[in-house]
Amino acid sequence: MNQTSNYYNQHAQAFFENTYQLEMESLYAPFLRYLPEQASILDLGCGSGRDTLAFKNKGYQVAAIDYSAELVEKARELTGIEVHQQSFYELNDVAKYDGIWACASLLHCDRDRLAEVMGRILKALKPNGVCYMSFKYGNTDREKEGRCFTDLNEQQAHDLLKQIDQALLLQQWITVDKRPDRKEEWLNILIRKEQA
């Protein structure tokens, strides 16, 4: 995790410029249709703050965290909200959010801690709250350019969700990277917290 956050600290400006203007409405729509008006959303691993700002502009109550100090600063500047430096391993909120948005962030979670982090996410959601998450499509743990990645495919996602009490899979689909110079596929997962 430290190695990956170091990468983002060192490359924060380039990462910001490559991501903050991407058109994401097609990914927002499946998530937001499950949320009430003015819902509370946590942007978990907010990066540039792009999605935080989009949700804020749509009238939602948004909180945001990221583990990279440099990206936290960029996200604060972009969004005008108090973004906190925090790891998803440290998420300790209880029944606080209607929705948790984990776009391209949990792919940096150690595979053997994914179930733990998913449990933290479910705990932080209100009953019937929803979580969106995305992973690069694949089945390996790998390192690329100083970042560690946990890729996921449909079977691994199924096996992961089976370990999580109260997690109901609402939707799962594959998309191609939104950046014009990328052709990577992404596994998108939308779950709901079932009543205990």
C-alpha atoms as a PDB file:
ATOM      1  CA  MET A   1       0.000   0.000   0.000  1.00  0.00           C
ATOM      2  CA  ASN A   2       2.815   2.414   0.860  1.00  0.00           C
ATOM      3  CA  GLN A   3       4.558   1.678  -2.413  1.00  0.00           C
ATOM      4  CA  THR A   4       1.355   2.401  -4.324  1.00  0.00           C
ATOM      5  CA  SER A   5       0.618   5.603  -2.401  1.00  0.00           C
ATOM      6  CA  ASN A   6       4.203   6.720  -3.052  1.00  0.00           C
ATOM      7  CA  TYR A   7       3.537   6.285  -6.761  1.00  0.00           C
ATOM      8  CA  TYR A   8       0.448   8.501  -6.554  1.00  0.00           C
ATOM      9  CA  ASN A   9       2.278  11.087  -4.467  1.00  0.00           C
ATOM     10  CA  GLN A  10       5.072  11.272  -7.042  1.00  0.00           C
ATOM     11  CA  HIS A  11       2.761  11.258 -10.086  1.00  0.00           C
ATOM     12  CA  ALA A  12      -0.201  13.175  -8.645  1.00  0.00           C
ATOM     13  CA  GLN A  13      -0.231  15.947 -11.257  1.00  0.00           C
ATOM     14  CA  ALA A  14      -0.041  13.589 -14.241  1.00  0.00           C
ATOM     15  CA  PHE A  15      -2.662  11.271 -12.735  1.00  0.00           C
ATOM     16  CA  PHE A  16      -4.937  14.236 -12.054  1.00  0.00           C
ATOM     17  CA  GLU A  17      -4.609  15.538 -15.610  1.00  0.00           C
ATOM     18  CA  ASN A  18      -5.275  12.087 -17.094  1.00  0.00           C
ATOM     19  CA  THR A  19      -8.401  11.396 -15.072  1.00  0.00           C
ATOM     20  CA  TYR A  20     -10.245  14.453 -13.804  1.00  0.00           C
ATOM     21  CA  GLN A  21     -12.091  15.241 -17.047  1.00  0.00           C
ATOM     22  CA  LEU A  22     -13.152  11.715 -18.036  1.00  0.00           C
ATOM     23  CA  GLU A  23     -16.847  11.321 -18.885  1.00  0.00           C
ATOM     24  CA  MET A  24     -18.267   8.934 -16.284  1.00  0.00           C
ATOM     25  CA  GLU A  25     -22.057   9.373 -16.530  1.00  0.00           C
ATOM     26  CA  SER A  26     -22.562   5.842 -17.886  1.00  0.00           C
ATOM     27  CA  LEU A  27     -20.985   4.477 -14.687  1.00  0.00           C
ATOM     28  CA  TYR A  28     -22.740   6.923 -12.360  1.00  0.00           C
ATOM     29  CA  ALA A  29     -26.228   6.040 -13.650  1.00  0.00           C
ATOM     30  CA  PRO A  30     -26.475   2.402 -12.416  1.00  0.00           C
ATOM     31  CA  PHE A  31     -25.187   3.472  -8.972  1.00  0.00           C
ATOM     32  CA  LEU A  32     -27.252   6.617  -8.516  1.00  0.00           C
ATOM     33  CA  ARG A  33     -30.556   5.045  -9.526  1.00  0.00           C
ATOM     34  CA  TYR A  34     -30.536   3.128  -6.219  1.00  0.00           C
ATOM     35  CA  LEU A  35     -29.934   6.227  -4.093  1.00  0.00           C
ATOM     36  CA  PRO A  36     -32.478   8.647  -2.602  1.00  0.00           C
ATOM     37  CA  GLU A  37     -32.319  12.355  -3.364  1.00  0.00           C
ATOM     38  CA  GLN A  38     -29.563  14.154  -1.427  1.00  0.00           C
ATOM     39  CA  ALA A  39     -28.138  10.773  -0.414  1.00  0.00           C
ATOM     40  CA  SER A  40     -24.903  10.601   1.557  1.00  0.00           C
ATOM     41  CA  ILE A  41     -22.076   9.155  -0.554  1.00  0.00           C
ATOM     42  CA  LEU A  42     -18.530   8.204   0.416  1.00  0.00           C
ATOM     43  CA  ASP A  43     -16.017   8.414  -2.435  1.00  0.00           C
ATOM     44  CA  LEU A  44     -13.614   5.722  -1.227  1.00  0.00           C
ATOM     45  CA  GLY A  45     -10.237   6.360  -2.845  1.00  0.00           C
ATOM     46  CA  CYS A  46     -11.323   9.548  -4.562  1.00  0.00           C
ATOM     47  CA  GLY A  47      -8.117  10.178  -6.526  1.00  0.00           C
ATOM     48  CA  SER A  48      -8.419  13.478  -8.394  1.00  0.00           C
ATOM     49  CA  GLY A  49     -11.820  14.222  -6.835  1.00  0.00           C
ATOM     50  CA  ARG A  50     -13.571  13.984 -10.221  1.00  0.00           C
ATOM     51  CA  ASP A  51     -16.427  11.788  -9.000  1.00  0.00           C
ATOM     52  CA  THR A  52     -16.732  13.620  -5.665  1.00  0.00           C
ATOM     53  CA  LEU A  53     -17.276  16.862  -7.579  1.00  0.00           C
ATOM     54  CA  ALA A  54     -19.789  15.250  -9.946  1.00  0.00           C
ATOM     55  CA  PHE A  55     -21.853  13.863  -7.050  1.00  0.00           C
ATOM     56  CA  LYS A  56     -21.648  17.171  -5.182  1.00  0.00           C
ATOM     57  CA  ASN A  57     -22.877  19.020  -8.285  1.00  0.00           C
ATOM     58  CA  LYS A  58     -25.819  16.593  -8.525  1.00  0.00           C
ATOM     59  CA  GLY A  59     -26.936  17.586  -5.014  1.00  0.00           C
ATOM     60  CA  TYR A  60     -25.611  14.645  -2.991  1.00  0.00           C
ATOM     61  CA  GLN A  61     -23.903  14.931   0.411  1.00  0.00           C
ATOM     62  CA  VAL A  62     -20.388  13.721  -0.340  1.00  0.00           C
ATOM     63  CA  ALA A  63     -17.488  12.675   1.853  1.00  0.00           C
ATOM     64  CA  ALA A  64     -14.179  11.641   0.292  1.00  0.00           C
ATOM     65  CA  ILE A  65     -10.986   9.893   1.354  1.00  0.00           C
ATOM     66  CA  ASP A  66      -7.760   8.897  -0.373  1.00  0.00           C
ATOM     67  CA  TYR A  67      -4.516   7.429   0.901  1.00  0.00           C
ATOM     68  CA  SER A  68      -2.247   9.673  -1.179  1.00  0.00           C
ATOM     69  CA  ALA A  69      -1.534  13.004   0.544  1.00  0.00           C
ATOM     70  CA  GLU A  70      -0.847  14.696  -2.804  1.00  0.00           C
ATOM     71  CA  LEU A  71      -4.113  13.511  -4.336  1.00  0.00           C
ATOM     72  CA  VAL A  72      -6.010  14.566  -1.211  1.00  0.00           C
ATOM     73  CA  GLU A  73      -4.718  18.097  -1.816  1.00  0.00           C
ATOM     74  CA  LYS A  74      -5.690  17.984  -5.510  1.00  0.00           C
ATOM     75  CA  ALA A  75      -9.164  16.681  -4.655  1.00  0.00           C
ATOM     76  CA  ARG A  76      -9.651  19.414  -2.033  1.00  0.00           C
ATOM     77  CA  GLU A  77      -8.733  22.072  -4.598  1.00  0.00           C
ATOM     78  CA  LEU A  78     -11.040  20.613  -7.237  1.00  0.00           C
ATOM     79  CA  THR A  79     -14.076  19.936  -5.043  1.00  0.00           C
ATOM     80  CA  GLY A  80     -13.957  22.573  -2.321  1.00  0.00           C
ATOM     81  CA  ILE A  81     -14.733  19.950   0.325  1.00  0.00           C
ATOM     82  CA  GLU A  82     -12.639  18.603   3.194  1.00  0.00           C
ATOM     83  CA  VAL A  83     -11.095  15.433   1.727  1.00  0.00           C
ATOM     84  CA  HIS A  84      -9.411  13.210   4.331  1.00  0.00           C
ATOM     85  CA  GLN A  85      -6.222  11.207   3.998  1.00  0.00           C
ATOM     86  CA  GLN A  86      -7.226   7.698   4.980  1.00  0.00           C
ATOM     87  CA  SER A  87      -6.840   4.124   3.780  1.00  0.00           C
ATOM     88  CA  PHE A  88      -9.781   1.831   3.035  1.00  0.00           C
ATOM     89  CA  TYR A  89      -8.185  -0.487   5.625  1.00  0.00           C
ATOM     90  CA  GLU A  90      -9.057   2.185   8.215  1.00  0.00           C
ATOM     91  CA  LEU A  91     -12.729   2.633   7.297  1.00  0.00           C
ATOM     92  CA  ASN A  92     -14.606   2.414  10.605  1.00  0.00           C
ATOM     93  CA  ASP A  93     -17.911   4.202   9.979  1.00  0.00           C
ATOM     94  CA  VAL A  94     -21.138   2.443  10.983  1.00  0.00           C
ATOM     95  CA  ALA A  95     -24.392   2.753   8.982  1.00  0.00           C
ATOM     96  CA  LYS A  96     -23.398   6.227   7.798  1.00  0.00           C
ATOM     97  CA  TYR A  97     -23.731   6.233   3.986  1.00  0.00           C
ATOM     98  CA  ASP A  98     -26.479   5.556   1.464  1.00  0.00           C
ATOM     99  CA  GLY A  99     -23.838   4.800  -1.125  1.00  0.00           C
ATOM    100  CA  ILE A 100     -20.125   4.052  -1.311  1.00  0.00           C
ATOM    101  CA  TRP A 101     -18.321   4.685  -4.582  1.00  0.00           C
ATOM    102  CA  ALA A 102     -15.047   2.729  -4.911  1.00  0.00           C
ATOM    103  CA  CYS A 103     -14.088   3.401  -8.508  1.00  0.00           C
ATOM    104  CA  ALA A 104     -10.666   1.947  -9.372  1.00  0.00           C
ATOM    105  CA  SER A 105      -9.542   2.044  -5.735  1.00  0.00           C
ATOM    106  CA  LEU A 106     -10.063  -1.440  -4.272  1.00  0.00           C
ATOM    107  CA  LEU A 107      -7.875  -2.809  -7.064  1.00  0.00           C
ATOM    108  CA  HIS A 108      -5.001  -1.683  -4.817  1.00  0.00           C
ATOM    109  CA  CYS A 109      -6.299  -3.760  -1.880  1.00  0.00           C
ATOM    110  CA  ASP A 110      -4.304  -6.880  -1.013  1.00  0.00           C
ATOM    111  CA  ARG A 111      -6.318  -9.867  -2.240  1.00  0.00           C
ATOM    112  CA  ASP A 112      -6.170 -11.563   1.149  1.00  0.00           C
ATOM    113  CA  ARG A 113      -7.726  -8.451   2.739  1.00  0.00           C
ATOM    114  CA  LEU A 114     -10.500  -7.836   0.205  1.00  0.00           C
ATOM    115  CA  ALA A 115     -13.102  -9.660   2.288  1.00  0.00           C
ATOM    116  CA  GLU A 116     -12.105  -7.606   5.359  1.00  0.00           C
ATOM    117  CA  VAL A 117     -12.402  -4.313   3.449  1.00  0.00           C
ATOM    118  CA  MET A 118     -15.707  -5.402   1.920  1.00  0.00           C
ATOM    119  CA  GLY A 119     -16.940  -6.103   5.444  1.00  0.00           C
ATOM    120  CA  ARG A 120     -15.919  -2.577   6.466  1.00  0.00           C
ATOM    121  CA  ILE A 121     -17.790  -1.149   3.471  1.00  0.00           C
ATOM    122  CA  LEU A 122     -20.957  -3.083   4.313  1.00  0.00           C
ATOM    123  CA  LYS A 123     -20.700  -1.936   7.933  1.00  0.00           C
ATOM    124  CA  ALA A 124     -20.370   1.708   6.806  1.00  0.00           C
ATOM    125  CA  LEU A 125     -23.475   1.469   4.604  1.00  0.00           C
ATOM    126  CA  LYS A 126     -26.962   2.112   5.897  1.00  0.00           C
ATOM    127  CA  PRO A 127     -29.437  -0.783   5.448  1.00  0.00           C
ATOM    128  CA  ASN A 128     -30.212  -1.112   1.715  1.00  0.00           C
ATOM    129  CA  GLY A 129     -27.198   1.095   0.920  1.00  0.00           C
ATOM    130  CA  VAL A 130     -25.313   0.357  -2.284  1.00  0.00           C
ATOM    131  CA  CYS A 131     -21.642   0.105  -3.192  1.00  0.00           C
ATOM    132  CA  TYR A 132     -20.097   0.416  -6.646  1.00  0.00           C
ATOM    133  CA  MET A 133     -16.569  -0.896  -7.192  1.00  0.00           C
ATOM    134  CA  SER A 134     -14.387  -1.556 -10.203  1.00  0.00           C
ATOM    135  CA  PHE A 135     -11.342  -3.711 -10.828  1.00  0.00           C
ATOM    136  CA  LYS A 136      -9.146  -4.243 -13.840  1.00  0.00           C
ATOM    137  CA  TYR A 137     -10.434  -7.426 -15.459  1.00  0.00           C
ATOM    138  CA  GLY A 138      -8.223 -10.452 -14.885  1.00  0.00           C
ATOM    139  CA  ASN A 139      -7.285 -12.994 -12.241  1.00  0.00           C
ATOM    140  CA  THR A 140      -3.772 -12.088 -11.099  1.00  0.00           C
ATOM    141  CA  ASP A 141      -1.948 -10.043  -8.486  1.00  0.00           C
ATOM    142  CA  ARG A 142       0.664  -7.931 -10.235  1.00  0.00           C
ATOM    143  CA  GLU A 143       2.906  -4.928  -9.996  1.00  0.00           C
ATOM    144  CA  LYS A 144       3.114  -2.351 -12.757  1.00  0.00           C
ATOM    145  CA  GLU A 145       5.212   0.839 -12.738  1.00  0.00           C
ATOM    146  CA  GLY A 146       5.469   0.866  -8.960  1.00  0.00           C
ATOM    147  CA  ARG A 147       1.809   0.116  -8.214  1.00  0.00           C
ATOM    148  CA  CYS A 148       0.336  -3.143  -6.931  1.00  0.00           C
ATOM    149  CA  PHE A 149      -2.876  -4.380  -8.557  1.00  0.00           C
ATOM    150  CA  THR A 150      -5.406  -7.032  -7.577  1.00  0.00           C
ATOM    151  CA  ASP A 151      -7.290  -7.961 -10.747  1.00  0.00           C
ATOM    152  CA  LEU A 152     -10.701  -9.628 -10.559  1.00  0.00           C
ATOM    153  CA  ASN A 153     -12.877 -11.738 -12.836  1.00  0.00           C
ATOM    154  CA  GLU A 154     -16.490 -12.855 -12.454  1.00  0.00           C
ATOM    155  CA  GLN A 155     -15.682 -16.083 -10.596  1.00  0.00           C
ATOM    156  CA  GLN A 156     -13.375 -14.340  -8.134  1.00  0.00           C
ATOM    157  CA  ALA A 157     -16.000 -11.659  -7.536  1.00  0.00           C
ATOM    158  CA  HIS A 158     -18.602 -14.373  -6.906  1.00  0.00           C
ATOM    159  CA  ASP A 159     -16.279 -16.153  -4.458  1.00  0.00           C
ATOM    160  CA  LEU A 160     -15.523 -12.866  -2.683  1.00  0.00           C
ATOM    161  CA  LEU A 161     -19.160 -11.846  -2.269  1.00  0.00           C
ATOM    162  CA  LYS A 162     -20.038 -15.299  -0.890  1.00  0.00           C
ATOM    163  CA  GLN A 163     -17.766 -14.494   2.071  1.00  0.00           C
ATOM    164  CA  ILE A 164     -19.618 -11.260   2.893  1.00  0.00           C
ATOM    165  CA  ASP A 165     -22.785 -11.411   4.978  1.00  0.00           C
ATOM    166  CA  GLN A 166     -25.547  -9.095   3.753  1.00  0.00           C
ATOM    167  CA  ALA A 167     -23.945  -8.476   0.315  1.00  0.00           C
ATOM    168  CA  LEU A 168     -26.445  -8.861  -2.536  1.00  0.00           C
ATOM    169  CA  LEU A 169     -25.094  -8.593  -6.074  1.00  0.00           C
ATOM    170  CA  LEU A 170     -27.294  -6.173  -8.036  1.00  0.00           C
ATOM    171  CA  GLN A 171     -25.321  -5.899 -11.252  1.00  0.00           C
ATOM    172  CA  GLN A 172     -21.982  -6.935 -12.742  1.00  0.00           C
ATOM    173  CA  TRP A 173     -20.708  -5.836 -16.133  1.00  0.00           C
ATOM    174  CA  ILE A 174     -17.541  -5.291 -18.152  1.00  0.00           C
ATOM    175  CA  THR A 175     -16.500  -1.973 -19.700  1.00  0.00           C
ATOM    176  CA  VAL A 176     -13.495  -0.696 -21.621  1.00  0.00           C
ATOM    177  CA  ASP A 177     -11.222   1.942 -20.071  1.00  0.00           C
ATOM    178  CA  LYS A 178     -12.560   5.484 -20.466  1.00  0.00           C
ATOM    179  CA  ARG A 179      -9.126   6.924 -21.282  1.00  0.00           C
ATOM    180  CA  PRO A 180      -8.625   7.280 -25.045  1.00  0.00           C
ATOM    181  CA  ASP A 181      -5.177   5.665 -25.062  1.00  0.00           C
ATOM    182  CA  ARG A 182      -6.260   2.582 -23.048  1.00  0.00           C
ATOM    183  CA  LYS A 183      -7.964  -0.625 -24.132  1.00  0.00           C
ATOM    184  CA  GLU A 184      -8.033  -2.397 -20.752  1.00  0.00           C
ATOM    185  CA  GLU A 185     -11.250  -4.038 -19.619  1.00  0.00           C
ATOM    186  CA  TRP A 186     -12.812  -3.343 -16.224  1.00  0.00           C
ATOM    187  CA  LEU A 187     -15.095  -5.462 -14.069  1.00  0.00           C
ATOM    188  CA  ASN A 188     -17.820  -3.278 -12.534  1.00  0.00           C
ATOM    189  CA  ILE A 189     -19.717  -4.569  -9.502  1.00  0.00           C
ATOM    190  CA  LEU A 190     -22.772  -3.098  -7.784  1.00  0.00           C
ATOM    191  CA  ILE A 191     -23.934  -4.582  -4.483  1.00  0.00           C
ATOM    192  CA  ARG A 192     -26.591  -3.748  -1.916  1.00  0.00           C
ATOM    193  CA  LYS A 193     -26.468  -4.203   1.857  1.00  0.00           C
ATOM    194  CA  GLU A 194     -29.282  -6.552   2.783  1.00  0.00           C
ATOM    195  CA  GLN A 195     -31.126  -6.234   6.068  1.00  0.00           C
ATOM    196  CA  ALA A 196     -29.534  -8.397   8.758  1.00  0.00           C
END
